[in-house]
Every structure is written in structure tokens, then in C-alpha cells.
Amino acid sequence: MLLLIQKYFGCGILSKIYEDKNGDPMVTYEINNIASLYTIIVPFFKKYTLRSTKYYDFLDFAQAVNLIYHKEHLTTTGKEKIHLLKNQMNTLRTLPVDFIPSYANPTAPEFIPMNPNYLSGFTG
């Protein structure tokens, strides 16, 4: 599966990193080239958005990629911006209790309907 993803994007590397508890190899797919992240990966996930708070983590990630791509990470201000983005991602993110993301709001332009085609991606 990861090989197909790598071929689709045309960038990144596959690496065997270790074996799991059953002795099966574990493989990672990494993209370390900032130009590939900026021109291929970020546009893909802007077009095909993630659901859940991962969507907001992606938006922060995309901002960091943009800062690095434009060399702003080399400045003190840029470093501070990246640090702030990092500190609000994943489990550090706080959302209001009554928060409804735009992709889950049927009246929002970003709404992504849940349908069998969407759900089949998790069962195949």
C-alpha cells in the first residue's frame, strides 16, 4: 500500500525501521523534501481534507511548511511561529465544547457528507 502511495505522489522514501512484536517488518513512508511537501502533499490535503482535529493539525503543518519553504524559519520570528504551531497540535489542541468543524456542518461550503464511498475507505 505504501509503495502505491509513494508512486502516486512521486516523492518520498520507504524505509524498514524495525520489526513489530510478531517479527513482522514495519515500514515508514517519509517525505523530507520541503519542495515536495509544499507543491505536492499540502495541495493534495487541501483538496482532499482530513476529518476530525487532524484537519486542524494539517492546517498548522501546512503553515509550518509554508514558513520553511519561504525560508522564514531562519528568522527568530519564523522560529517562534513554528514553535507556537507545534505547541497547539495533536493532544495540545483545545477546542470549545460546542465546537462543530465546518466540514461537519451541512450549511458550510467545506461540508463533507458521510456516505458509503467515504466510509469504504476505512474498511478496504
PDB file of N, CA and C in Angstrom:
ATOM      1  N   MET A   1       0.816  -1.184   0.000  1.00  0.00           N
ATOM      2  CA  MET A   1       0.000   0.000   0.000  1.00  0.00           C
ATOM      3  C   MET A   1       0.869   1.260   0.000  1.00  0.00           C
ATOM      4  N   LEU A   2       1.894   1.280   0.858  1.00  0.00           N
ATOM      5  CA  LEU A   2       2.753   2.462   0.908  1.00  0.00           C
ATOM      6  C   LEU A   2       3.494   2.676  -0.401  1.00  0.00           C
ATOM      7  N   LEU A   3       3.855   1.605  -1.070  1.00  0.00           N
ATOM      8  CA  LEU A   3       4.524   1.728  -2.366  1.00  0.00           C
ATOM      9  C   LEU A   3       3.599   2.404  -3.374  1.00  0.00           C
ATOM     10  N   LEU A   4       2.324   2.053  -3.358  1.00  0.00           N
ATOM     11  CA  LEU A   4       1.355   2.689  -4.259  1.00  0.00           C
ATOM     12  C   LEU A   4       1.203   4.172  -3.940  1.00  0.00           C
ATOM     13  N   ILE A   5       1.194   4.506  -2.659  1.00  0.00           N
ATOM     14  CA  ILE A   5       1.095   5.911  -2.262  1.00  0.00           C
ATOM     15  C   ILE A   5       2.333   6.672  -2.719  1.00  0.00           C
ATOM     16  N   GLN A   6       3.506   6.075  -2.534  1.00  0.00           N
ATOM     17  CA  GLN A   6       4.750   6.712  -2.971  1.00  0.00           C
ATOM     18  C   GLN A   6       4.734   6.936  -4.484  1.00  0.00           C
ATOM     19  N   LYS A   7       4.293   5.955  -5.234  1.00  0.00           N
ATOM     20  CA  LYS A   7       4.226   6.093  -6.695  1.00  0.00           C
ATOM     21  C   LYS A   7       3.227   7.167  -7.093  1.00  0.00           C
ATOM     22  N   TYR A   8       2.100   7.223  -6.402  1.00  0.00           N
ATOM     23  CA  TYR A   8       1.087   8.227  -6.712  1.00  0.00           C
ATOM     24  C   TYR A   8       1.647   9.635  -6.549  1.00  0.00           C
ATOM     25  N   PHE A   9       2.295   9.893  -5.420  1.00  0.00           N
ATOM     26  CA  PHE A   9       2.829  11.226  -5.158  1.00  0.00           C
ATOM     27  C   PHE A   9       4.126  11.502  -5.913  1.00  0.00           C
ATOM     28  N   GLY A  10       4.878  10.459  -6.232  1.00  0.00           N
ATOM     29  CA  GLY A  10       6.134  10.649  -6.954  1.00  0.00           C
ATOM     30  C   GLY A  10       7.239  11.262  -6.120  1.00  0.00           C
ATOM     31  N   CYS A  11       7.168  11.061  -4.816  1.00  0.00           N
ATOM     32  CA  CYS A  11       8.199  11.607  -3.934  1.00  0.00           C
ATOM     33  C   CYS A  11       8.239  10.788  -2.656  1.00  0.00           C
ATOM     34  N   GLY A  12       9.279  10.993  -1.874  1.00  0.00           N
ATOM     35  CA  GLY A  12       9.397  10.318  -0.588  1.00  0.00           C
ATOM     36  C   GLY A  12      10.151   9.010  -0.678  1.00  0.00           C
ATOM     37  N   ILE A  13      10.439   8.453   0.501  1.00  0.00           N
ATOM     38  CA  ILE A  13      11.176   7.188   0.575  1.00  0.00           C
ATOM     39  C   ILE A  13      10.452   6.218   1.511  1.00  0.00           C
ATOM     40  N   LEU A  14      10.620   4.947   1.225  1.00  0.00           N
ATOM     41  CA  LEU A  14      10.127   3.887   2.099  1.00  0.00           C
ATOM     42  C   LEU A  14      11.316   3.313   2.836  1.00  0.00           C
ATOM     43  N   SER A  15      11.153   3.077   4.129  1.00  0.00           N
ATOM     44  CA  SER A  15      12.237   2.532   4.939  1.00  0.00           C
ATOM     45  C   SER A  15      11.696   1.493   5.901  1.00  0.00           C
ATOM     46  N   LYS A  16      12.420   0.379   6.038  1.00  0.00           N
ATOM     47  CA  LYS A  16      12.100  -0.584   7.090  1.00  0.00           C
ATOM     48  C   LYS A  16      12.767  -0.058   8.351  1.00  0.00           C
ATOM     49  N   ILE A  17      11.969   0.156   9.387  1.00  0.00           N
ATOM     50  CA  ILE A  17      12.563   0.747  10.578  1.00  0.00           C
ATOM     51  C   ILE A  17      12.782  -0.245  11.707  1.00  0.00           C
ATOM     52  N   TYR A  18      11.922  -1.253  11.820  1.00  0.00           N
ATOM     53  CA  TYR A  18      12.094  -2.231  12.880  1.00  0.00           C
ATOM     54  C   TYR A  18      11.094  -3.356  12.654  1.00  0.00           C
ATOM     55  N   GLU A  19      11.119  -4.309  13.518  1.00  0.00           N
ATOM     56  CA  GLU A  19      10.141  -5.380  13.466  1.00  0.00           C
ATOM     57  C   GLU A  19       9.184  -5.244  14.632  1.00  0.00           C
ATOM     58  N   ASP A  20       7.910  -5.570  14.392  1.00  0.00           N
ATOM     59  CA  ASP A  20       6.938  -5.491  15.472  1.00  0.00           C
ATOM     60  C   ASP A  20       7.080  -6.692  16.395  1.00  0.00           C
ATOM     61  N   LYS A  21       6.199  -6.812  17.379  1.00  0.00           N
ATOM     62  CA  LYS A  21       6.306  -7.878  18.379  1.00  0.00           C
ATOM     63  C   LYS A  21       6.171  -9.273  17.780  1.00  0.00           C
ATOM     64  N   ASN A  22       5.604  -9.373  16.583  1.00  0.00           N
ATOM     65  CA  ASN A  22       5.481 -10.663  15.904  1.00  0.00           C
ATOM     66  C   ASN A  22       6.634 -10.935  14.946  1.00  0.00           C
ATOM     67  N   GLY A  23       7.586 -10.019  14.889  1.00  0.00           N
ATOM     68  CA  GLY A  23       8.724 -10.180  13.992  1.00  0.00           C
ATOM     69  C   GLY A  23       8.460  -9.696  12.577  1.00  0.00           C
ATOM     70  N   ASP A  24       7.294  -9.067  12.352  1.00  0.00           N
ATOM     71  CA  ASP A  24       6.967  -8.545  11.021  1.00  0.00           C
ATOM     72  C   ASP A  24       7.640  -7.194  10.820  1.00  0.00           C
ATOM     73  N   PRO A  25       8.148  -6.946   9.621  1.00  0.00           N
ATOM     74  CA  PRO A  25       8.809  -5.657   9.375  1.00  0.00           C
ATOM     75  C   PRO A  25       7.803  -4.506   9.383  1.00  0.00           C
ATOM     76  N   MET A  26       8.233  -3.399   9.922  1.00  0.00           N
ATOM     77  CA  MET A  26       7.435  -2.175   9.929  1.00  0.00           C
ATOM     78  C   MET A  26       8.089  -1.222   8.931  1.00  0.00           C
ATOM     79  N   VAL A  27       7.273  -0.622   8.105  1.00  0.00           N
ATOM     80  CA  VAL A  27       7.781   0.252   7.055  1.00  0.00           C
ATOM     81  C   VAL A  27       7.214   1.653   7.248  1.00  0.00           C
ATOM     82  N   THR A  28       8.038   2.662   6.993  1.00  0.00           N
ATOM     83  CA  THR A  28       7.574   4.044   7.048  1.00  0.00           C
ATOM     84  C   THR A  28       7.666   4.661   5.665  1.00  0.00           C
ATOM     85  N   TYR A  29       6.838   5.639   5.433  1.00  0.00           N
ATOM     86  CA  TYR A  29       6.884   6.448   4.218  1.00  0.00           C
ATOM     87  C   TYR A  29       7.156   7.870   4.679  1.00  0.00           C
ATOM     88  N   GLU A  30       8.267   8.428   4.235  1.00  0.00           N
ATOM     89  CA  GLU A  30       8.663   9.762   4.666  1.00  0.00           C
ATOM     90  C   GLU A  30       8.901  10.666   3.471  1.00  0.00           C
ATOM     91  N   ILE A  31       8.501  11.910   3.626  1.00  0.00           N
ATOM     92  CA  ILE A  31       8.800  12.938   2.637  1.00  0.00           C
ATOM     93  C   ILE A  31       9.542  14.035   3.381  1.00  0.00           C
ATOM     94  N   ASN A  32      10.820  14.161   3.107  1.00  0.00           N
ATOM     95  CA  ASN A  32      11.652  15.144   3.795  1.00  0.00           C
ATOM     96  C   ASN A  32      11.984  16.347   2.929  1.00  0.00           C
ATOM     97  N   ASN A  33      11.643  16.281   1.658  1.00  0.00           N
ATOM     98  CA  ASN A  33      11.939  17.365   0.735  1.00  0.00           C
ATOM     99  C   ASN A  33      10.861  18.437   0.871  1.00  0.00           C
ATOM    100  N   ILE A  34      11.258  19.620   1.314  1.00  0.00           N
ATOM    101  CA  ILE A  34      10.291  20.676   1.589  1.00  0.00           C
ATOM    102  C   ILE A  34       9.544  21.093   0.328  1.00  0.00           C
ATOM    103  N   ALA A  35      10.207  21.066  -0.816  1.00  0.00           N
ATOM    104  CA  ALA A  35       9.525  21.430  -2.072  1.00  0.00           C
ATOM    105  C   ALA A  35       8.416  20.432  -2.389  1.00  0.00           C
ATOM    106  N   SER A  36       8.655  19.153  -2.147  1.00  0.00           N
ATOM    107  CA  SER A  36       7.621  18.133  -2.375  1.00  0.00           C
ATOM    108  C   SER A  36       6.455  18.315  -1.410  1.00  0.00           C
ATOM    109  N   LEU A  37       6.767  18.621  -0.169  1.00  0.00           N
ATOM    110  CA  LEU A  37       5.705  18.869   0.801  1.00  0.00           C
ATOM    111  C   LEU A  37       4.868  20.074   0.383  1.00  0.00           C
ATOM    112  N   TYR A  38       5.536  21.134  -0.056  1.00  0.00           N
ATOM    113  CA  TYR A  38       4.865  22.384  -0.402  1.00  0.00           C
ATOM    114  C   TYR A  38       4.061  22.277  -1.697  1.00  0.00           C
ATOM    115  N   THR A  39       4.614  21.594  -2.701  1.00  0.00           N
ATOM    116  CA  THR A  39       3.980  21.582  -4.021  1.00  0.00           C
ATOM    117  C   THR A  39       3.100  20.360  -4.289  1.00  0.00           C
ATOM    118  N   ILE A  40       3.277  19.281  -3.529  1.00  0.00           N
ATOM    119  CA  ILE A  40       2.521  18.051  -3.787  1.00  0.00           C
ATOM    120  C   ILE A  40       1.615  17.679  -2.620  1.00  0.00           C
ATOM    121  N   ILE A  41       2.187  17.508  -1.451  1.00  0.00           N
ATOM    122  CA  ILE A  41       1.448  16.974  -0.309  1.00  0.00           C
ATOM    123  C   ILE A  41       0.438  17.974   0.251  1.00  0.00           C
ATOM    124  N   VAL A  42       0.871  19.191   0.522  1.00  0.00           N
ATOM    125  CA  VAL A  42      -0.045  20.191   1.071  1.00  0.00           C
ATOM    126  C   VAL A  42      -1.211  20.451   0.109  1.00  0.00           C
ATOM    127  N   PRO A  43      -0.979  20.677  -1.186  1.00  0.00           N
ATOM    128  CA  PRO A  43      -2.129  20.867  -2.080  1.00  0.00           C
ATOM    129  C   PRO A  43      -3.075  19.660  -2.122  1.00  0.00           C
ATOM    130  N   PHE A  44      -2.537  18.450  -2.042  1.00  0.00           N
ATOM    131  CA  PHE A  44      -3.384  17.256  -2.058  1.00  0.00           C
ATOM    132  C   PHE A  44      -4.333  17.267  -0.862  1.00  0.00           C
ATOM    133  N   PHE A  45      -3.800  17.532   0.331  1.00  0.00           N
ATOM    134  CA  PHE A  45      -4.637  17.506   1.522  1.00  0.00           C
ATOM    135  C   PHE A  45      -5.490  18.761   1.683  1.00  0.00           C
ATOM    136  N   LYS A  46      -5.196  19.796   0.929  1.00  0.00           N
ATOM    137  CA  LYS A  46      -6.124  20.932   0.885  1.00  0.00           C
ATOM    138  C   LYS A  46      -7.327  20.572   0.018  1.00  0.00           C
ATOM    139  N   LYS A  47      -7.073  19.810  -1.030  1.00  0.00           N
ATOM    140  CA  LYS A  47      -8.159  19.383  -1.917  1.00  0.00           C
ATOM    141  C   LYS A  47      -8.983  18.264  -1.287  1.00  0.00           C
ATOM    142  N   TYR A  48      -8.313  17.285  -0.683  1.00  0.00           N
ATOM    143  CA  TYR A  48      -8.970  16.134  -0.058  1.00  0.00           C
ATOM    144  C   TYR A  48      -8.755  16.226   1.448  1.00  0.00           C
ATOM    145  N   THR A  49      -9.591  17.004   2.102  1.00  0.00           N
ATOM    146  CA  THR A  49      -9.366  17.345   3.508  1.00  0.00           C
ATOM    147  C   THR A  49      -9.550  16.162   4.445  1.00  0.00           C
ATOM    148  N   LEU A  50      -8.803  16.228   5.515  1.00  0.00           N
ATOM    149  CA  LEU A  50      -8.928  15.254   6.598  1.00  0.00           C
ATOM    150  C   LEU A  50     -10.145  15.604   7.442  1.00  0.00           C
ATOM    151  N   ARG A  51     -10.623  14.631   8.175  1.00  0.00           N
ATOM    152  CA  ARG A  51     -11.717  14.860   9.129  1.00  0.00           C
ATOM    153  C   ARG A  51     -11.135  14.853  10.535  1.00  0.00           C
ATOM    154  N   SER A  52     -11.890  15.295  11.482  1.00  0.00           N
ATOM    155  CA  SER A  52     -11.529  15.348  12.895  1.00  0.00           C
ATOM    156  C   SER A  52     -10.510  16.449  13.132  1.00  0.00           C
ATOM    157  N   THR A  53      -9.944  16.460  14.302  1.00  0.00           N
ATOM    158  CA  THR A  53      -8.971  17.511  14.623  1.00  0.00           C
ATOM    159  C   THR A  53      -7.691  17.362  13.806  1.00  0.00           C
ATOM    160  N   LYS A  54      -7.503  16.235  13.130  1.00  0.00           N
ATOM    161  CA  LYS A  54      -6.340  16.080  12.248  1.00  0.00           C
ATOM    162  C   LYS A  54      -6.365  17.136  11.141  1.00  0.00           C
ATOM    163  N   TYR A  55      -7.562  17.557  10.758  1.00  0.00           N
ATOM    164  CA  TYR A  55      -7.683  18.621   9.755  1.00  0.00           C
ATOM    165  C   TYR A  55      -7.009  19.891  10.259  1.00  0.00           C
ATOM    166  N   TYR A  56      -7.229  20.228  11.512  1.00  0.00           N
ATOM    167  CA  TYR A  56      -6.636  21.434  12.084  1.00  0.00           C
ATOM    168  C   TYR A  56      -5.137  21.260  12.307  1.00  0.00           C
ATOM    169  N   ASP A  57      -4.711  20.052  12.637  1.00  0.00           N
ATOM    170  CA  ASP A  57      -3.275  19.773  12.727  1.00  0.00           C
ATOM    171  C   ASP A  57      -2.630  19.943  11.353  1.00  0.00           C
ATOM    172  N   PHE A  58      -3.331  19.481  10.315  1.00  0.00           N
ATOM    173  CA  PHE A  58      -2.810  19.651   8.956  1.00  0.00           C
ATOM    174  C   PHE A  58      -2.671  21.132   8.615  1.00  0.00           C
ATOM    175  N   LEU A  59      -3.662  21.940   8.959  1.00  0.00           N
ATOM    176  CA  LEU A  59      -3.573  23.376   8.665  1.00  0.00           C
ATOM    177  C   LEU A  59      -2.346  23.999   9.330  1.00  0.00           C
ATOM    178  N   ASP A  60      -2.066  23.596  10.569  1.00  0.00           N
ATOM    179  CA  ASP A  60      -0.865  24.083  11.257  1.00  0.00           C
ATOM    180  C   ASP A  60       0.395  23.580  10.557  1.00  0.00           C
ATOM    181  N   PHE A  61       0.381  22.290  10.181  1.00  0.00           N
ATOM    182  CA  PHE A  61       1.510  21.705   9.458  1.00  0.00           C
ATOM    183  C   PHE A  61       1.752  22.473   8.152  1.00  0.00           C
ATOM    184  N   ALA A  62       0.679  22.767   7.428  1.00  0.00           N
ATOM    185  CA  ALA A  62       0.799  23.490   6.158  1.00  0.00           C
ATOM    186  C   ALA A  62       1.401  24.880   6.377  1.00  0.00           C
ATOM    187  N   GLN A  63       1.024  25.537   7.470  1.00  0.00           N
ATOM    188  CA  GLN A  63       1.619  26.842   7.783  1.00  0.00           C
ATOM    189  C   GLN A  63       3.116  26.707   8.039  1.00  0.00           C
ATOM    190  N   ALA A  64       3.510  25.667   8.769  1.00  0.00           N
ATOM    191  CA  ALA A  64       4.935  25.445   9.050  1.00  0.00           C
ATOM    192  C   ALA A  64       5.687  25.146   7.763  1.00  0.00           C
ATOM    193  N   VAL A  65       5.117  24.328   6.897  1.00  0.00           N
ATOM    194  CA  VAL A  65       5.752  24.026   5.601  1.00  0.00           C
ATOM    195  C   VAL A  65       5.933  25.317   4.814  1.00  0.00           C
ATOM    196  N   ASN A  66       4.912  26.160   4.807  1.00  0.00           N
ATOM    197  CA  ASN A  66       4.995  27.434   4.098  1.00  0.00           C
ATOM    198  C   ASN A  66       6.123  28.302   4.653  1.00  0.00           C
ATOM    199  N   LEU A  67       6.229  28.376   5.973  1.00  0.00           N
ATOM    200  CA  LEU A  67       7.303  29.159   6.592  1.00  0.00           C
ATOM    201  C   LEU A  67       8.679  28.627   6.193  1.00  0.00           C
ATOM    202  N   ILE A  68       8.828  27.311   6.220  1.00  0.00           N
ATOM    203  CA  ILE A  68      10.117  26.705   5.881  1.00  0.00           C
ATOM    204  C   ILE A  68      10.416  26.878   4.397  1.00  0.00           C
ATOM    205  N   TYR A  69       9.421  26.646   3.549  1.00  0.00           N
ATOM    206  CA  TYR A  69       9.613  26.778   2.095  1.00  0.00           C
ATOM    207  C   TYR A  69      10.088  28.179   1.728  1.00  0.00           C
ATOM    208  N   HIS A  70       9.554  29.167   2.415  1.00  0.00           N
ATOM    209  CA  HIS A  70       9.928  30.556   2.132  1.00  0.00           C
ATOM    210  C   HIS A  70      11.076  31.048   3.014  1.00  0.00           C
ATOM    211  N   LYS A  71      11.752  30.110   3.673  1.00  0.00           N
ATOM    212  CA  LYS A  71      12.954  30.378   4.478  1.00  0.00           C
ATOM    213  C   LYS A  71      12.709  31.273   5.684  1.00  0.00           C
ATOM    214  N   GLU A  72      11.448  31.431   6.072  1.00  0.00           N
ATOM    215  CA  GLU A  72      11.143  32.268   7.224  1.00  0.00           C
ATOM    216  C   GLU A  72      11.549  31.601   8.534  1.00  0.00           C
ATOM    217  N   HIS A  73      11.754  30.284   8.498  1.00  0.00           N
ATOM    218  CA  HIS A  73      12.174  29.564   9.710  1.00  0.00           C
ATOM    219  C   HIS A  73      13.585  29.934  10.130  1.00  0.00           C
ATOM    220  N   LEU A  74      14.297  30.628   9.258  1.00  0.00           N
ATOM    221  CA  LEU A  74      15.666  31.042   9.563  1.00  0.00           C
ATOM    222  C   LEU A  74      15.704  32.317  10.396  1.00  0.00           C
ATOM    223  N   THR A  75      14.540  32.936  10.578  1.00  0.00           N
ATOM    224  CA  THR A  75      14.468  34.152  11.393  1.00  0.00           C
ATOM    225  C   THR A  75      13.946  33.805  12.786  1.00  0.00           C
ATOM    226  N   THR A  76      14.187  34.664  13.713  1.00  0.00           N
ATOM    227  CA  THR A  76      13.680  34.463  15.076  1.00  0.00           C
ATOM    228  C   THR A  76      12.153  34.424  15.077  1.00  0.00           C
ATOM    229  N   THR A  77      11.536  35.336  14.341  1.00  0.00           N
ATOM    230  CA  THR A  77      10.073  35.366  14.273  1.00  0.00           C
ATOM    231  C   THR A  77       9.530  34.075  13.667  1.00  0.00           C
ATOM    232  N   GLY A  78      10.161  33.606  12.613  1.00  0.00           N
ATOM    233  CA  GLY A  78       9.730  32.364  11.977  1.00  0.00           C
ATOM    234  C   GLY A  78       9.852  31.169  12.901  1.00  0.00           C
ATOM    235  N   LYS A  79      10.951  31.104  13.631  1.00  0.00           N
ATOM    236  CA  LYS A  79      11.137  30.020  14.605  1.00  0.00           C
ATOM    237  C   LYS A  79      10.054  30.070  15.679  1.00  0.00           C
ATOM    238  N   GLU A  80       9.731  31.268  16.133  1.00  0.00           N
ATOM    239  CA  GLU A  80       8.686  31.416  17.148  1.00  0.00           C
ATOM    240  C   GLU A  80       7.324  30.974  16.616  1.00  0.00           C
ATOM    241  N   LYS A  81       7.031  31.320  15.356  1.00  0.00           N
ATOM    242  CA  LYS A  81       5.759  30.916  14.749  1.00  0.00           C
ATOM    243  C   LYS A  81       5.661  29.393  14.674  1.00  0.00           C
ATOM    244  N   ILE A  82       6.738  28.749  14.254  1.00  0.00           N
ATOM    245  CA  ILE A  82       6.734  27.286  14.160  1.00  0.00           C
ATOM    246  C   ILE A  82       6.580  26.667  15.542  1.00  0.00           C
ATOM    247  N   HIS A  83       7.244  27.233  16.523  1.00  0.00           N
ATOM    248  CA  HIS A  83       7.124  26.727  17.891  1.00  0.00           C
ATOM    249  C   HIS A  83       5.679  26.849  18.390  1.00  0.00           C
ATOM    250  N   LEU A  84       5.036  27.968  18.115  1.00  0.00           N
ATOM    251  CA  LEU A  84       3.636  28.150  18.509  1.00  0.00           C
ATOM    252  C   LEU A  84       2.725  27.144  17.803  1.00  0.00           C
ATOM    253  N   LEU A  85       2.958  26.925  16.516  1.00  0.00           N
ATOM    254  CA  LEU A  85       2.161  25.943  15.775  1.00  0.00           C
ATOM    255  C   LEU A  85       2.323  24.558  16.377  1.00  0.00           C
ATOM    256  N   LYS A  86       3.555  24.194  16.660  1.00  0.00           N
ATOM    257  CA  LYS A  86       3.844  22.878  17.248  1.00  0.00           C
ATOM    258  C   LYS A  86       3.127  22.705  18.575  1.00  0.00           C
ATOM    259  N   ASN A  87       3.087  23.751  19.356  1.00  0.00           N
ATOM    260  CA  ASN A  87       2.508  23.663  20.693  1.00  0.00           C
ATOM    261  C   ASN A  87       0.981  23.696  20.729  1.00  0.00           C
ATOM    262  N   GLN A  88       0.338  23.758  19.577  1.00  0.00           N
ATOM    263  CA  GLN A  88      -1.121  23.681  19.561  1.00  0.00           C
ATOM    264  C   GLN A  88      -1.606  22.484  18.749  1.00  0.00           C
ATOM    265  N   MET A  89      -0.698  21.609  18.371  1.00  0.00           N
ATOM    266  CA  MET A  89      -1.079  20.459  17.556  1.00  0.00           C
ATOM    267  C   MET A  89      -1.353  19.221  18.406  1.00  0.00           C
ATOM    268  N   ASN A  90      -2.071  18.283  17.778  1.00  0.00           N
ATOM    269  CA  ASN A  90      -2.377  16.974  18.351  1.00  0.00           C
ATOM    270  C   ASN A  90      -3.052  17.103  19.714  1.00  0.00           C
ATOM    271  N   THR A  91      -2.530  16.463  20.719  1.00  0.00           N
ATOM    272  CA  THR A  91      -3.192  16.456  22.028  1.00  0.00           C
ATOM    273  C   THR A  91      -3.110  17.805  22.729  1.00  0.00           C
ATOM    274  N   LEU A  92      -2.305  18.715  22.222  1.00  0.00           N
ATOM    275  CA  LEU A  92      -2.187  20.035  22.842  1.00  0.00           C
ATOM    276  C   LEU A  92      -3.272  20.998  22.359  1.00  0.00           C
ATOM    277  N   ARG A  93      -4.034  20.606  21.343  1.00  0.00           N
ATOM    278  CA  ARG A  93      -5.072  21.470  20.777  1.00  0.00           C
ATOM    279  C   ARG A  93      -6.269  21.539  21.722  1.00  0.00           C
ATOM    280  N   THR A  94      -6.803  22.744  21.895  1.00  0.00           N
ATOM    281  CA  THR A  94      -8.018  22.907  22.682  1.00  0.00           C
ATOM    282  C   THR A  94      -9.088  23.517  21.783  1.00  0.00           C
ATOM    283  N   LEU A  95     -10.283  22.964  21.869  1.00  0.00           N
ATOM    284  CA  LEU A  95     -11.422  23.449  21.095  1.00  0.00           C
ATOM    285  C   LEU A  95     -12.575  23.723  22.053  1.00  0.00           C
ATOM    286  N   PRO A  96     -13.440  24.661  21.697  1.00  0.00           N
ATOM    287  CA  PRO A  96     -14.610  24.907  22.547  1.00  0.00           C
ATOM    288  C   PRO A  96     -15.478  23.647  22.650  1.00  0.00           C
ATOM    289  N   VAL A  97     -16.175  23.492  23.753  1.00  0.00           N
ATOM    290  CA  VAL A  97     -17.010  22.317  23.991  1.00  0.00           C
ATOM    291  C   VAL A  97     -18.074  22.158  22.909  1.00  0.00           C
ATOM    292  N   ASP A  98     -18.662  23.244  22.457  1.00  0.00           N
ATOM    293  CA  ASP A  98     -19.727  23.181  21.460  1.00  0.00           C
ATOM    294  C   ASP A  98     -19.215  23.323  20.031  1.00  0.00           C
ATOM    295  N   PHE A  99     -17.942  23.124  19.826  1.00  0.00           N
ATOM    296  CA  PHE A  99     -17.320  23.295  18.524  1.00  0.00           C
ATOM    297  C   PHE A  99     -17.839  22.276  17.514  1.00  0.00           C
ATOM    298  N   ILE A 100     -18.227  22.752  16.330  1.00  0.00           N
ATOM    299  CA  ILE A 100     -18.598  21.892  15.205  1.00  0.00           C
ATOM    300  C   ILE A 100     -17.725  22.308  14.025  1.00  0.00           C
ATOM    301  N   PRO A 101     -16.850  21.417  13.559  1.00  0.00           N
ATOM    302  CA  PRO A 101     -15.986  21.790  12.435  1.00  0.00           C
ATOM    303  C   PRO A 101     -16.793  22.056  11.172  1.00  0.00           C
ATOM    304  N   SER A 102     -16.292  22.940  10.326  1.00  0.00           N
ATOM    305  CA  SER A 102     -17.022  23.328   9.120  1.00  0.00           C
ATOM    306  C   SER A 102     -17.299  22.149   8.199  1.00  0.00           C
ATOM    307  N   TYR A 103     -16.390  21.169   8.155  1.00  0.00           N
ATOM    308  CA  TYR A 103     -16.618  20.029   7.267  1.00  0.00           C
ATOM    309  C   TYR A 103     -17.770  19.145   7.749  1.00  0.00           C
ATOM    310  N   ALA A 104     -18.208  19.315   9.008  1.00  0.00           N
ATOM    311  CA  ALA A 104     -19.319  18.531   9.550  1.00  0.00           C
ATOM    312  C   ALA A 104     -20.615  19.347   9.615  1.00  0.00           C
ATOM    313  N   ASN A 105     -20.574  20.582   9.197  1.00  0.00           N
ATOM    314  CA  ASN A 105     -21.737  21.461   9.220  1.00  0.00           C
ATOM    315  C   ASN A 105     -22.368  21.484   7.829  1.00  0.00           C
ATOM    316  N   PRO A 106     -23.555  20.911   7.656  1.00  0.00           N
ATOM    317  CA  PRO A 106     -24.169  20.822   6.324  1.00  0.00           C
ATOM    318  C   PRO A 106     -24.390  22.157   5.632  1.00  0.00           C
ATOM    319  N   THR A 107     -24.409  23.254   6.371  1.00  0.00           N
ATOM    320  CA  THR A 107     -24.620  24.563   5.748  1.00  0.00           C
ATOM    321  C   THR A 107     -23.311  25.233   5.327  1.00  0.00           C
ATOM    322  N   ALA A 108     -22.186  24.652   5.680  1.00  0.00           N
ATOM    323  CA  ALA A 108     -20.882  25.249   5.358  1.00  0.00           C
ATOM    324  C   ALA A 108     -20.401  24.793   3.983  1.00  0.00           C
ATOM    325  N   PRO A 109     -19.699  25.655   3.256  1.00  0.00           N
ATOM    326  CA  PRO A 109     -19.179  25.264   1.936  1.00  0.00           C
ATOM    327  C   PRO A 109     -18.156  24.126   2.009  1.00  0.00           C
ATOM    328  N   GLU A 110     -17.496  23.961   3.160  1.00  0.00           N
ATOM    329  CA  GLU A 110     -16.480  22.912   3.322  1.00  0.00           C
ATOM    330  C   GLU A 110     -17.074  21.577   3.750  1.00  0.00           C
ATOM    331  N   PHE A 111     -18.402  21.495   3.841  1.00  0.00           N
ATOM    332  CA  PHE A 111     -19.078  20.292   4.325  1.00  0.00           C
ATOM    333  C   PHE A 111     -18.689  19.072   3.484  1.00  0.00           C
ATOM    334  N   ILE A 112     -18.343  17.974   4.177  1.00  0.00           N
ATOM    335  CA  ILE A 112     -18.034  16.700   3.533  1.00  0.00           C
ATOM    336  C   ILE A 112     -19.082  15.696   4.014  1.00  0.00           C
ATOM    337  N   PRO A 113     -20.000  15.302   3.133  1.00  0.00           N
ATOM    338  CA  PRO A 113     -21.029  14.369   3.588  1.00  0.00           C
ATOM    339  C   PRO A 113     -20.460  12.987   3.871  1.00  0.00           C
ATOM    340  N   MET A 114     -20.993  12.363   4.903  1.00  0.00           N
ATOM    341  CA  MET A 114     -20.628  10.977   5.204  1.00  0.00           C
ATOM    342  C   MET A 114     -21.490  10.100   4.313  1.00  0.00           C
ATOM    343  N   ASN A 115     -20.863   9.280   3.511  1.00  0.00           N
ATOM    344  CA  ASN A 115     -21.612   8.382   2.647  1.00  0.00           C
ATOM    345  C   ASN A 115     -20.867   7.070   2.526  1.00  0.00           C
ATOM    346  N   PRO A 116     -21.455   6.057   1.919  1.00  0.00           N
ATOM    347  CA  PRO A 116     -20.776   4.755   1.823  1.00  0.00           C
ATOM    348  C   PRO A 116     -19.417   4.828   1.127  1.00  0.00           C
ATOM    349  N   ASN A 117     -19.272   5.720   0.136  1.00  0.00           N
ATOM    350  CA  ASN A 117     -17.984   5.838  -0.555  1.00  0.00           C
ATOM    351  C   ASN A 117     -16.901   6.341   0.395  1.00  0.00           C
ATOM    352  N   TYR A 118     -17.254   7.316   1.224  1.00  0.00           N
ATOM    353  CA  TYR A 118     -16.282   7.831   2.189  1.00  0.00           C
ATOM    354  C   TYR A 118     -15.925   6.751   3.199  1.00  0.00           C
ATOM    355  N   LEU A 119     -16.933   6.096   3.718  1.00  0.00           N
ATOM    356  CA  LEU A 119     -16.703   5.078   4.749  1.00  0.00           C
ATOM    357  C   LEU A 119     -15.969   3.852   4.227  1.00  0.00           C
ATOM    358  N   SER A 120     -16.129   3.513   2.949  1.00  0.00           N
ATOM    359  CA  SER A 120     -15.466   2.335   2.398  1.00  0.00           C
ATOM    360  C   SER A 120     -13.949   2.464   2.432  1.00  0.00           C
ATOM    361  N   GLY A 121     -13.447   3.678   2.472  1.00  0.00           N
ATOM    362  CA  GLY A 121     -12.013   3.890   2.566  1.00  0.00           C
ATOM    363  C   GLY A 121     -11.412   3.364   3.850  1.00  0.00           C
ATOM    364  N   PHE A 122     -12.229   3.161   4.863  1.00  0.00           N
ATOM    365  CA  PHE A 122     -11.736   2.666   6.138  1.00  0.00           C
ATOM    366  C   PHE A 122     -11.891   1.165   6.302  1.00  0.00           C
ATOM    367  N   THR A 123     -12.596   0.530   5.378  1.00  0.00           N
ATOM    368  CA  THR A 123     -12.872  -0.888   5.523  1.00  0.00           C
ATOM    369  C   THR A 123     -12.131  -1.755   4.523  1.00  0.00           C
ATOM    370  N   GLY A 124     -11.545  -1.139   3.496  1.00  0.00           N
ATOM    371  CA  GLY A 124     -10.893  -1.895   2.429  1.00  0.00           C
ATOM    372  C   GLY A 124      -9.578  -2.334   2.789  1.00  0.00           C
TER     373      GLY A 124
END
